[in-house]
């Protein structure tokens, strides 16, 4: 009897779903739990939401293995309510295509009927996430295929919830559903689909990698920022639109190349900009500087505040115009301190408390990106600074002229020195965008000292640290990935950090950073602390596009 029962169950499984039966809707309800089944190729279909669009690069190798040994693994399938066919829930589309070909070639039953594991219908979204997770583990998807899958997943989430999702909310839901992905990664993927794919489909579909895509997106963002700087030098009504048009046409032209070369792309883009969007006073070298070094940052002097009119305004104006030491984009001559005495007699009317604060300015200049004397002081009295031209003070650019500083007379004076005293951040520069700019310039300065300036690239966005790490082959590069790629694993970070900062006691294990570079590193860490303090106050639902565009 047991044998008869097993035979009947096997026949029922092999019979499949009798779609033509009028009782099929009621008699054949999908199982409510996982169970093994035997299905034929006629009962199966590929998952239409499978992110893989191209042919698996290991297709022939997998086909040879299946021809010789059959399927080594059991595919997982599911079935949507009301559907006639089963679809693969977690990968399996490549195996289905191979089995179909082998069945046509050999008519061997082992390629026609296959053992599967049925899973109850989890929903279209979960099927898509399953395919993305499966391919992420195997590392077989191109960046474009991942990006398109992520975009479909976001639209499915929004369709299910009936509302738009911010990048942060979308990332949180993806992580909760088993596919961790960072906000910056999502933003780059969506930009790839929306602004690169229409103009560079061939290279993207052929597997253009993430580093090259990030370079392209960075150039596009830089062009938008540069457009604001060149607004009054450009004859056209909308430089941003024209610059981006040149970018898109260059992408279309480069898409005909077999291999993408960033330097070739940049050369073609600059040539097109010079031909089609001529800007007064901007030549090839200036475009190279803006696109590769400056990244569209403002390079003009900051506006000085208007003259004060009252005693109350005097205190505020003075406190905001003390040199900050953070304007790395300007030469030392551009940073002039206010005169200690204007000759107008206003000092006589200022309270003793205000007078005490005004008599101890903090003077500091950090080394400029293109040269400049590093001058550093603590709290310095008026008598400690050499007066020039009738009492006005200025910071010299002569390396041999350094402002004298009194040595601290007690240990308390040293311990009371704060990071803000060493690296003051002015109030008008104390926001996310300016801090990101200062962070990248400081990192550029440090990397330039170590011949690693090309290992980092500026980045923007409300949740960005201000840079991305292009190469982690150096000790500094490995350490900085902790900040630029917080979602990745960093197993060797402790050894890299020791090699960078302290070295070891063994002979030949000197630290990578010398004393001057170590101070630059400490400044970089302080700026990151300031930036993260600002970013923690950002509404979690704010995404990069809402913040900057």
Protein backbone atom coordinates (compact mmCIF):
# COMPACT_ATOMS: atom_id res chain seq x y z
CA UNK A 1 0.00 0.00 0.00
CA UNK A 2 2.85 2.33 0.82
CA UNK A 3 4.37 1.72 -2.59
CA UNK A 4 1.06 2.50 -4.31
CA UNK A 5 0.75 5.76 -2.38
CA UNK A 6 4.26 6.83 -3.32
CA UNK A 7 3.54 5.98 -6.96
CA UNK A 8 0.36 8.09 -6.94
CA UNK A 9 2.17 11.05 -5.37
CA UNK A 10 4.94 10.85 -7.96
CA UNK A 11 2.42 10.72 -10.80
CA UNK A 12 0.58 13.71 -9.35
CA UNK A 13 3.77 15.73 -9.20
CA UNK A 14 4.77 14.81 -12.75
CA UNK A 15 1.30 15.65 -14.05
CA UNK A 16 1.85 19.33 -13.31
CA UNK A 17 -0.90 21.92 -13.06
CA UNK A 18 -3.99 20.92 -15.11
CA UNK A 19 -4.78 24.43 -16.27
CA UNK A 20 -7.54 23.21 -18.56
CA UNK A 21 -9.49 21.70 -15.67
CA UNK A 22 -12.49 23.81 -14.65
CA UNK A 23 -11.77 22.89 -11.02
CA UNK A 24 -8.13 23.94 -11.16
CA UNK A 25 -8.70 27.25 -9.38
CA UNK A 26 -10.04 25.45 -6.34
CA UNK A 27 -8.46 22.01 -6.56
CA UNK A 28 -4.84 23.12 -7.03
CA UNK A 29 -4.03 25.80 -4.50
CA UNK A 30 -0.37 26.71 -4.16
CA UNK A 31 1.31 25.16 -1.09
CA UNK A 32 1.65 27.42 1.94
CA UNK A 33 5.11 26.18 2.92
CA UNK A 34 8.32 25.11 1.23
CA UNK A 35 8.21 21.69 -0.39
CA UNK A 36 10.18 19.75 -3.03
CA UNK A 37 8.56 19.26 -6.43
CA UNK A 38 9.34 17.87 -9.87
CA UNK A 39 8.53 20.26 -12.71
CA UNK A 40 8.98 20.19 -16.46
CA UNK A 41 10.46 22.95 -18.57
CA UNK A 42 6.96 23.61 -19.92
CA UNK A 43 5.79 24.55 -16.43
CA UNK A 44 8.68 26.96 -15.83
CA UNK A 45 9.45 30.45 -17.06
CA UNK A 46 12.36 32.82 -16.40
CA UNK A 47 11.71 35.56 -13.88
CA UNK A 48 10.90 38.72 -15.88
CA UNK A 49 12.44 40.89 -13.14
CA UNK A 50 15.79 39.13 -13.25
CA UNK A 51 18.37 41.96 -13.25
CA UNK A 52 20.75 40.06 -15.53
CA UNK A 53 20.18 41.25 -19.09
CA UNK A 54 23.32 39.97 -20.75
CA UNK A 55 24.72 36.49 -21.15
CA UNK A 56 26.45 34.96 -18.15
CA UNK A 57 30.21 35.15 -18.84
CA UNK A 58 30.54 31.56 -17.53
CA UNK A 59 27.65 30.30 -19.67
CA UNK A 60 29.59 27.72 -21.69
CA UNK A 61 31.41 26.44 -18.61
CA UNK A 62 28.12 25.97 -16.74
CA UNK A 63 26.54 24.32 -19.77
CA UNK A 64 29.38 21.79 -20.06
CA UNK A 65 29.04 20.94 -16.38
CA UNK A 66 25.26 20.42 -16.61
CA UNK A 67 25.63 18.33 -19.78
CA UNK A 68 28.06 16.01 -18.00
CA UNK A 69 26.63 15.86 -14.49
CA UNK A 70 23.16 17.33 -14.57
CA UNK A 71 22.10 19.96 -12.04
CA UNK A 72 24.23 19.95 -8.89
CA UNK A 73 21.91 22.33 -7.03
CA UNK A 74 18.16 22.45 -6.61
CA UNK A 75 16.62 25.64 -8.06
CA UNK A 76 14.15 27.56 -5.92
CA UNK A 77 10.87 28.42 -7.62
CA UNK A 78 7.69 30.21 -6.71
CA UNK A 79 4.37 30.99 -8.33
CA UNK A 80 2.34 34.17 -8.39
CA UNK A 81 -1.36 33.88 -7.52
CA UNK A 82 -3.38 33.25 -10.67
CA UNK A 83 -0.32 32.49 -12.80
CA UNK A 84 0.00 29.33 -14.90
CA UNK A 85 3.78 29.12 -14.63
CA UNK A 86 6.40 28.77 -11.95
CA UNK A 87 9.29 31.24 -11.95
CA UNK A 88 12.70 31.18 -10.31
CA UNK A 89 12.78 33.09 -7.04
CA UNK A 90 16.54 33.24 -6.28
CA UNK A 91 18.54 33.05 -9.49
CA UNK A 92 18.23 30.09 -11.84
CA UNK A 93 17.49 31.84 -15.13
CA UNK A 94 20.84 30.85 -16.63
CA UNK A 95 20.28 27.20 -15.69
CA UNK A 96 16.79 27.31 -17.23
CA UNK A 97 18.19 28.62 -20.51
CA UNK A 98 20.92 25.95 -20.54
CA UNK A 99 18.46 23.13 -19.76
CA UNK A 100 16.19 24.32 -22.58
CA UNK A 101 19.09 24.23 -25.04
CA UNK A 102 20.23 20.79 -23.86
CA UNK A 103 16.69 19.43 -24.13
CA UNK A 104 16.43 20.69 -27.71
CA UNK A 105 19.84 19.22 -28.55
CA UNK A 106 19.56 15.82 -26.83
CA UNK A 107 15.88 15.16 -25.98
CA UNK A 108 17.25 13.69 -22.74
CA UNK A 109 14.54 13.53 -20.05
CA UNK A 110 16.98 14.54 -17.30
CA UNK A 111 17.12 17.99 -18.90
CA UNK A 112 13.33 18.20 -19.25
CA UNK A 113 12.22 17.28 -15.74
CA UNK A 114 14.01 18.76 -12.76
CA UNK A 115 13.78 18.69 -9.01
CA UNK A 116 12.98 22.09 -7.52
CA UNK A 117 12.18 23.54 -4.12
CA UNK A 118 8.88 25.40 -4.12
CA UNK A 119 8.60 28.53 -1.97
CA UNK A 120 5.30 30.31 -1.30
CA UNK A 121 4.88 33.49 -3.32
CA UNK A 122 6.84 36.20 -1.45
CA UNK A 123 5.85 39.02 -3.75
CA UNK A 124 7.46 40.48 -6.82
CA UNK A 125 9.72 42.72 -4.75
CA UNK A 126 11.18 39.89 -2.69
CA UNK A 127 11.83 37.87 -5.84
CA UNK A 128 13.79 40.78 -7.29
CA UNK A 129 15.79 41.21 -4.08
CA UNK A 130 16.48 37.48 -4.10
CA UNK A 131 17.92 37.69 -7.61
CA UNK A 132 20.02 40.75 -6.68
CA UNK A 133 21.36 39.06 -3.55
CA UNK A 134 22.13 35.82 -5.40
CA UNK A 135 24.04 37.61 -8.14
CA UNK A 136 25.78 39.89 -5.63
CA UNK A 137 27.21 36.83 -3.89
CA UNK A 138 28.40 35.42 -7.21
CA UNK A 139 29.66 38.83 -8.41
CA UNK A 140 28.26 38.25 -11.87
CA UNK A 141 26.22 41.41 -12.47
CA UNK A 142 27.53 44.49 -14.23
CA UNK A 143 27.15 47.83 -12.46
CA UNK A 144 24.40 48.79 -14.90
CA UNK A 145 22.43 45.60 -14.21
CA UNK A 146 22.67 46.23 -10.48
CA UNK A 147 21.60 49.83 -11.00
CA UNK A 148 18.58 48.87 -13.07
CA UNK A 149 17.58 46.25 -10.49
CA UNK A 150 17.86 48.81 -7.69
CA UNK A 151 15.71 51.30 -9.62
CA UNK A 152 13.01 48.66 -10.18
CA UNK A 153 13.15 47.74 -6.49
CA UNK A 154 12.63 51.36 -5.46
CA UNK A 155 9.64 51.74 -7.77
CA UNK A 156 8.13 48.53 -6.33
CA UNK A 157 8.60 49.80 -2.78
CA UNK A 158 6.95 53.10 -3.66
CA UNK A 159 4.13 51.32 -5.47
CA UNK A 160 3.52 49.11 -2.43
CA UNK A 161 3.66 51.97 0.08
CA UNK A 162 1.84 54.48 -2.09
CA UNK A 163 4.42 57.23 -1.50
CA UNK A 164 7.85 58.40 -2.56
CA UNK A 165 10.83 57.12 -0.59
CA UNK A 166 13.94 59.12 0.25
CA UNK A 167 17.31 57.54 -0.40
CA UNK A 168 17.83 56.92 3.30
CA UNK A 169 14.42 55.29 3.79
CA UNK A 170 14.94 53.14 0.69
CA UNK A 171 18.38 52.03 1.89
CA UNK A 172 16.97 51.12 5.29
CA UNK A 173 14.23 48.99 3.74
CA UNK A 174 16.67 47.23 1.42
CA UNK A 175 18.93 46.43 4.37
CA UNK A 176 16.00 45.14 6.41
CA UNK A 177 14.98 42.88 3.50
CA UNK A 178 18.42 41.30 3.25
CA UNK A 179 20.34 43.39 0.71
CA UNK A 180 22.50 46.04 2.46
CA UNK A 181 23.34 48.97 0.20
CA UNK A 182 24.66 52.42 1.08
CA UNK A 183 22.91 55.69 0.30
CA UNK A 184 25.79 56.95 -1.84
CA UNK A 185 25.79 53.69 -3.80
CA UNK A 186 22.06 53.99 -4.50
CA UNK A 187 22.49 57.60 -5.61
CA UNK A 188 25.25 56.65 -8.06
CA UNK A 189 23.18 53.76 -9.43
CA UNK A 190 20.14 55.93 -10.05
CA UNK A 191 22.28 58.62 -11.68
CA UNK A 192 23.84 55.96 -13.90
CA UNK A 193 20.42 54.94 -15.20
CA UNK A 194 19.02 58.46 -15.54
CA UNK A 195 21.94 60.56 -16.82
CA UNK A 196 24.49 58.13 -18.32
CA UNK A 197 22.54 55.24 -19.84
CA UNK A 198 20.69 57.35 -22.47
CA UNK A 199 24.03 58.58 -23.89
CA UNK A 200 26.42 55.70 -23.22
CA UNK A 201 24.38 52.48 -23.49
CA UNK A 202 26.94 50.33 -25.29
CA UNK A 203 29.82 50.77 -22.86
CA UNK A 204 27.54 50.43 -19.85
CA UNK A 205 25.92 47.25 -21.16
CA UNK A 206 29.38 45.85 -21.93
CA UNK A 207 30.31 46.14 -18.26
CA UNK A 208 31.76 49.62 -17.61
CA UNK A 209 32.94 49.45 -14.00
CA UNK A 210 32.03 51.45 -10.93
CA UNK A 211 35.30 53.50 -10.76
CA UNK A 212 34.85 54.76 -14.33
CA UNK A 213 31.17 55.50 -13.73
CA UNK A 214 32.02 57.48 -10.59
CA UNK A 215 34.55 59.50 -12.59
CA UNK A 216 31.89 60.35 -15.18
CA UNK A 217 29.33 61.34 -12.56
CA UNK A 218 31.93 63.47 -10.79
CA UNK A 219 32.72 65.34 -14.02
CA UNK A 220 29.03 65.96 -14.61
CA UNK A 221 28.55 67.34 -11.09
CA UNK A 222 31.64 69.51 -11.50
CA UNK A 223 30.29 71.00 -14.73
CA UNK A 224 27.12 72.04 -12.92
CA UNK A 225 29.16 73.79 -10.21
CA UNK A 226 31.52 75.39 -12.71
CA UNK A 227 28.53 76.83 -14.57
CA UNK A 228 27.71 78.99 -11.54
CA UNK A 229 31.29 80.30 -11.38
CA UNK A 230 31.37 81.14 -15.11
CA UNK A 231 27.92 82.71 -15.22
CA UNK A 232 29.19 86.24 -15.88
CA UNK A 233 31.92 85.14 -18.31
CA UNK A 234 29.62 83.13 -20.55
CA UNK A 235 27.63 84.69 -23.38
CA UNK A 236 24.79 82.16 -23.39
CA UNK A 237 21.70 82.35 -21.15
CA UNK A 238 22.19 79.01 -19.38
CA UNK A 239 25.78 77.75 -19.06
CA UNK A 240 24.76 74.70 -17.01
CA UNK A 241 22.46 73.46 -19.76
CA UNK A 242 25.09 74.05 -22.44
CA UNK A 243 27.91 72.44 -20.43
CA UNK A 244 25.80 69.36 -19.71
CA UNK A 245 24.86 69.20 -23.38
CA UNK A 246 28.56 68.99 -24.25
CA UNK A 247 28.96 66.27 -21.64
CA UNK A 248 26.11 64.23 -23.13
CA UNK A 249 27.37 64.57 -26.70
CA UNK A 250 30.86 63.55 -25.58
CA UNK A 251 29.41 60.46 -23.88
CA UNK A 252 27.65 59.54 -27.12
CA UNK A 253 30.88 59.95 -29.08
CA UNK A 254 32.97 57.93 -26.61
CA UNK A 255 30.31 55.19 -26.57
CA UNK A 256 31.55 54.15 -30.02
CA UNK A 257 34.97 53.27 -28.58
CA UNK A 258 35.73 49.68 -27.67
CA UNK A 259 37.42 50.63 -24.39
CA UNK A 260 36.69 53.56 -22.09
CA UNK A 261 39.68 55.77 -21.27
CA UNK A 262 39.01 58.56 -18.78
CA UNK A 263 41.82 60.81 -20.04
CA UNK A 264 40.59 60.46 -23.62
CA UNK A 265 37.05 61.28 -22.49
CA UNK A 266 38.23 64.37 -20.61
CA UNK A 267 40.29 65.55 -23.58
CA UNK A 268 37.30 65.16 -25.92
CA UNK A 269 35.01 66.93 -23.46
CA UNK A 270 37.32 69.91 -22.98
CA UNK A 271 37.81 70.22 -26.73
CA UNK A 272 34.05 70.27 -27.22
CA UNK A 273 33.59 72.83 -24.43
CA UNK A 274 36.17 75.12 -26.05
CA UNK A 275 34.48 74.79 -29.44
CA UNK A 276 30.83 74.99 -28.44
CA UNK A 277 30.80 76.84 -25.09
CA UNK A 278 33.60 79.36 -25.22
CA UNK A 279 34.09 81.14 -21.88
CA UNK A 280 36.06 84.38 -21.73
CA UNK A 281 39.49 83.84 -20.19
CA UNK A 282 39.12 80.06 -19.87
CA UNK A 283 41.56 77.95 -21.88
CA UNK A 284 42.38 74.23 -22.01
CA UNK A 285 44.61 74.30 -18.93
CA UNK A 286 41.93 76.10 -16.90
CA UNK A 287 39.36 73.46 -17.82
CA UNK A 288 41.80 70.71 -16.82
CA UNK A 289 42.30 72.42 -13.47
CA UNK A 290 38.57 72.86 -12.87
CA UNK A 291 37.61 69.32 -13.85
CA UNK A 292 40.51 67.35 -12.36
CA UNK A 293 41.80 69.41 -9.42
CA UNK A 294 39.46 72.15 -8.27
CA UNK A 295 36.24 70.22 -9.01
CA UNK A 296 34.37 73.47 -9.60
CA UNK A 297 35.02 74.98 -6.17
CA UNK A 298 34.91 78.74 -5.84
CA UNK A 299 38.35 80.26 -6.14
CA UNK A 300 37.56 83.89 -5.43
CA UNK A 301 38.15 85.74 -2.18
CA UNK A 302 35.40 85.58 0.41
CA UNK A 303 33.40 88.75 0.76
CA UNK A 304 34.37 90.90 3.73
CA UNK A 305 31.58 92.05 6.04
CA UNK A 306 30.27 95.59 5.76
CA UNK A 307 31.81 98.24 8.07
CA UNK A 308 30.30 98.21 11.54
CA UNK A 309 28.03 101.06 12.58
CA UNK A 310 27.60 100.55 16.31
CA UNK A 311 29.42 99.37 19.39
CA UNK A 312 27.35 96.18 19.54
CA UNK A 313 28.18 95.38 15.94
CA UNK A 314 31.89 95.93 16.55
CA UNK A 315 32.22 92.84 18.70
CA UNK A 316 30.32 90.60 16.28
CA UNK A 317 32.13 91.83 13.19
CA UNK A 318 35.53 91.38 14.76
CA UNK A 319 34.82 87.87 15.92
CA UNK A 320 33.69 86.82 12.45
CA UNK A 321 36.65 88.30 10.55
CA UNK A 322 39.47 86.67 12.49
CA UNK A 323 41.50 84.58 9.99
CA UNK A 324 40.24 81.05 9.99
CA UNK A 325 43.16 79.18 8.50
CA UNK A 326 40.75 77.05 6.49
CA UNK A 327 40.80 78.92 3.19
CA UNK A 328 43.32 76.69 1.48
CA UNK A 329 42.24 77.98 -1.91
CA UNK A 330 43.72 81.45 -1.29
CA UNK A 331 47.26 82.71 -0.99
CA UNK A 332 48.62 84.05 2.28
CA UNK A 333 48.39 87.66 1.04
CA UNK A 334 44.62 87.30 0.77
CA UNK A 335 44.17 86.70 4.49
CA UNK A 336 44.46 90.11 6.14
CA UNK A 337 43.58 90.62 9.77
CA UNK A 338 41.68 93.70 10.90
CA UNK A 339 43.70 96.58 12.34
CA UNK A 340 43.87 96.59 16.09
CA UNK A 341 43.25 100.32 16.08
CA UNK A 342 41.31 102.19 13.46
CA UNK A 343 42.06 105.59 14.88
CA UNK A 344 38.38 106.35 15.28
CA UNK A 345 38.39 106.09 19.03
CA UNK A 346 35.91 103.26 19.12
CA UNK A 347 38.13 101.21 21.42
CA UNK A 348 37.51 103.64 24.25
CA UNK A 349 33.82 102.82 24.25
CA UNK A 350 34.21 99.04 24.22
CA UNK A 351 33.69 97.21 27.51
CA UNK A 352 36.72 95.67 29.30
CA UNK A 353 35.43 92.17 28.53
CA UNK A 354 35.27 92.91 24.81
CA UNK A 355 38.65 94.64 24.96
CA UNK A 356 40.18 91.54 26.53
CA UNK A 357 38.80 89.29 23.81
CA UNK A 358 39.94 91.62 21.05
CA UNK A 359 43.46 91.83 22.43
CA UNK A 360 44.04 88.07 21.93
CA UNK A 361 43.34 87.13 18.31
CA UNK A 362 44.15 83.63 17.11
CA UNK A 363 46.41 83.82 14.07
CA UNK A 364 46.90 80.80 11.84
CA UNK A 365 47.51 79.97 8.21
CA UNK A 366 47.57 76.42 6.89
CA UNK A 367 49.85 75.52 4.02
CA UNK A 368 48.14 76.44 0.73
CA UNK A 369 47.53 73.77 -1.91
CA UNK A 370 49.95 75.52 -4.25
CA UNK A 371 52.53 76.73 -1.72
CA UNK A 372 52.61 79.11 1.21
CA UNK A 373 54.32 79.40 4.55
CA UNK A 374 52.73 77.45 7.39
CA UNK A 375 52.41 79.86 10.32
CA UNK A 376 50.87 78.61 13.54
CA UNK A 377 50.32 80.31 16.88
CA UNK A 378 48.27 79.81 19.97
CA UNK A 379 46.56 82.66 21.76
CA UNK A 380 48.83 85.58 20.90
CA UNK A 381 48.91 88.99 22.54
CA UNK A 382 49.17 92.20 20.56
CA UNK A 383 52.70 92.73 21.82
CA UNK A 384 53.75 89.37 20.40
CA UNK A 385 52.96 90.36 16.79
CA UNK A 386 55.21 92.62 14.82
CA UNK A 387 53.35 95.81 13.82
CA UNK A 388 53.75 97.03 10.25
CA UNK A 389 52.73 100.33 8.63
CA UNK A 390 51.46 102.25 11.61
CA UNK A 391 49.94 99.46 13.64
CA UNK A 392 48.18 97.35 10.99
CA UNK A 393 48.84 93.63 11.24
CA UNK A 394 49.35 91.24 8.38
CA UNK A 395 50.50 87.68 7.95
CA UNK A 396 53.59 87.49 5.80
CA UNK A 397 54.17 84.95 3.05
CA UNK A 398 57.93 84.96 3.75
CA UNK A 399 58.95 81.54 5.10
CA UNK A 400 61.71 83.17 7.14
CA UNK A 401 59.33 85.52 8.93
CA UNK A 402 57.33 83.71 11.59
CA UNK A 403 55.18 85.42 14.18
CA UNK A 404 56.83 85.02 17.59
CA UNK A 405 54.84 83.15 20.19
CA UNK A 406 55.37 83.14 23.93
CA UNK A 407 55.96 79.74 25.48
CA UNK A 408 53.21 78.69 27.85
CA UNK A 409 54.08 79.48 31.46
CA UNK A 410 52.06 76.64 32.93
CA UNK A 411 50.74 73.21 32.06
CA UNK A 412 47.21 74.56 32.32
CA UNK A 413 47.79 76.87 29.36
CA UNK A 414 48.67 73.88 27.21
CA UNK A 415 45.79 71.68 28.29
CA UNK A 416 43.32 74.51 27.74
CA UNK A 417 44.21 74.67 24.03
CA UNK A 418 41.35 73.22 21.96
CA UNK A 419 41.03 71.99 18.40
CA UNK A 420 39.06 75.14 17.59
CA UNK A 421 42.07 77.16 18.77
CA UNK A 422 44.41 75.21 16.50
CA UNK A 423 42.13 74.93 13.48
CA UNK A 424 39.36 77.53 13.87
CA UNK A 425 36.32 77.16 11.63
CA UNK A 426 34.61 80.46 10.88
CA UNK A 427 30.85 80.63 11.30
CA UNK A 428 30.25 81.27 7.60
CA UNK A 429 32.26 78.11 6.75
CA UNK A 430 30.67 75.92 9.42
CA UNK A 431 28.22 74.04 7.21
CA UNK A 432 28.23 70.65 5.48
CA UNK A 433 29.27 71.81 2.01
CA UNK A 434 32.13 74.04 3.19
CA UNK A 435 33.39 71.44 5.65
CA UNK A 436 33.42 68.83 2.87
CA UNK A 437 35.47 71.24 0.74
CA UNK A 438 37.94 71.82 3.58
CA UNK A 439 38.20 68.09 4.24
CA UNK A 440 39.04 67.30 0.62
CA UNK A 441 41.59 70.12 0.41
CA UNK A 442 43.28 68.95 3.59
CA UNK A 443 43.31 65.35 2.35
CA UNK A 444 44.62 66.54 -1.04
CA UNK A 445 47.41 68.40 0.76
CA UNK A 446 48.33 65.33 2.80
CA UNK A 447 48.11 63.02 -0.20
CA UNK A 448 50.21 65.41 -2.27
CA UNK A 449 52.95 65.24 0.38
CA UNK A 450 52.92 61.45 0.04
CA UNK A 451 52.59 61.43 -3.79
CA UNK A 452 49.05 60.06 -3.41
CA UNK A 453 46.95 63.01 -4.57
CA UNK A 454 45.42 60.92 -7.39
CA UNK A 455 44.18 58.34 -4.88
CA UNK A 456 41.30 60.57 -3.80
CA UNK A 457 38.54 62.47 -5.54
CA UNK A 458 36.19 65.14 -4.25
CA UNK A 459 32.59 64.14 -3.60
CA UNK A 460 29.46 66.00 -2.59
CA UNK A 461 26.15 65.06 -1.05
CA UNK A 462 24.62 65.63 2.34
CA UNK A 463 25.84 62.27 3.67
CA UNK A 464 29.28 62.25 2.00
CA UNK A 465 32.57 62.79 3.89
CA UNK A 466 33.65 65.08 1.04
CA UNK A 467 35.81 62.60 -0.85
CA UNK A 468 35.94 59.11 -2.27
CA UNK A 469 38.96 56.81 -2.23
CA UNK A 470 39.99 55.73 -5.73
CA UNK A 471 42.91 53.57 -4.64
CA UNK A 472 43.40 51.68 -1.38
CA UNK A 473 46.85 50.31 -2.25
CA UNK A 474 48.62 52.76 0.10
CA UNK A 475 48.42 52.86 3.89
CA UNK A 476 46.68 56.25 3.77
CA UNK A 477 44.22 54.99 1.15
CA UNK A 478 43.29 51.94 3.26
CA UNK A 479 42.70 54.09 6.33
CA UNK A 480 40.58 56.65 4.48
CA UNK A 481 38.26 53.94 3.11
CA UNK A 482 36.89 53.71 6.65
CA UNK A 483 35.31 57.12 6.04
CA UNK A 484 34.57 56.97 2.30
CA UNK A 485 33.24 53.38 2.33
CA UNK A 486 31.72 52.90 5.80
CA UNK A 487 29.59 49.94 4.70
CA UNK A 488 32.56 47.82 3.61
CA UNK A 489 34.63 45.53 5.83
CA UNK A 490 38.01 46.85 6.99
CA UNK A 491 39.88 43.88 8.42
CA UNK A 492 43.40 45.31 8.11
CA UNK A 493 42.62 48.81 9.34
CA UNK A 494 44.44 48.48 12.69
CA UNK A 495 47.75 47.54 11.08
CA UNK A 496 47.36 50.29 8.48
CA UNK A 497 46.54 52.87 11.16
CA UNK A 498 49.60 51.92 13.21
CA UNK A 499 51.86 52.07 10.16
CA UNK A 500 50.45 55.47 9.23
CA UNK A 501 50.58 57.20 12.61
CA UNK A 502 53.04 55.59 15.02
CA UNK A 503 55.05 52.89 13.30
CA UNK A 504 56.54 50.18 15.49
CA UNK A 505 59.47 49.62 17.83
CA UNK A 506 61.32 47.40 15.39
CA UNK A 507 64.09 48.88 13.23
CA UNK A 508 62.79 50.17 9.92
CA UNK A 509 59.19 50.59 11.14
CA UNK A 510 59.05 54.37 11.10
CA UNK A 511 55.58 55.91 10.71
CA UNK A 512 54.48 56.97 7.25
CA UNK A 513 53.62 60.49 8.46
CA UNK A 514 56.29 62.84 9.72
CA UNK A 515 55.49 65.38 12.45
CA UNK A 516 54.20 68.05 10.08
CA UNK A 517 52.06 65.56 8.17
CA UNK A 518 50.78 64.18 11.48
CA UNK A 519 49.45 67.64 12.38
CA UNK A 520 47.72 67.79 8.99
CA UNK A 521 46.18 64.38 9.77
CA UNK A 522 44.91 65.66 13.12
CA UNK A 523 43.36 68.65 11.38
CA UNK A 524 41.68 66.27 8.91
CA UNK A 525 40.23 64.20 11.77
CA UNK A 526 38.94 67.33 13.50
CA UNK A 527 37.22 68.54 10.33
CA UNK A 528 35.59 65.12 9.93
CA UNK A 529 34.34 65.37 13.53
CA UNK A 530 32.82 68.77 12.74
CA UNK A 531 31.24 67.45 9.53
CA UNK A 532 29.72 64.38 11.19
CA UNK A 533 28.31 66.58 13.95
CA UNK A 534 26.47 68.57 11.27
CA UNK A 535 25.35 65.47 9.37
CA UNK A 536 23.88 63.89 12.50
CA UNK A 537 21.44 66.80 12.67
CA UNK A 538 20.18 66.25 9.10
CA UNK A 539 16.66 64.88 8.77
CA UNK A 540 16.97 61.14 7.98
CA UNK A 541 14.59 61.52 5.04
CA UNK A 542 16.71 64.18 3.31
CA UNK A 543 18.54 62.78 0.30
CA UNK A 544 21.47 64.17 -1.64
CA UNK A 545 19.37 65.58 -4.48
CA UNK A 546 17.08 67.49 -2.13
CA UNK A 547 20.06 68.97 -0.33
CA UNK A 548 22.17 70.25 -3.19
CA UNK A 549 20.08 70.46 -6.34
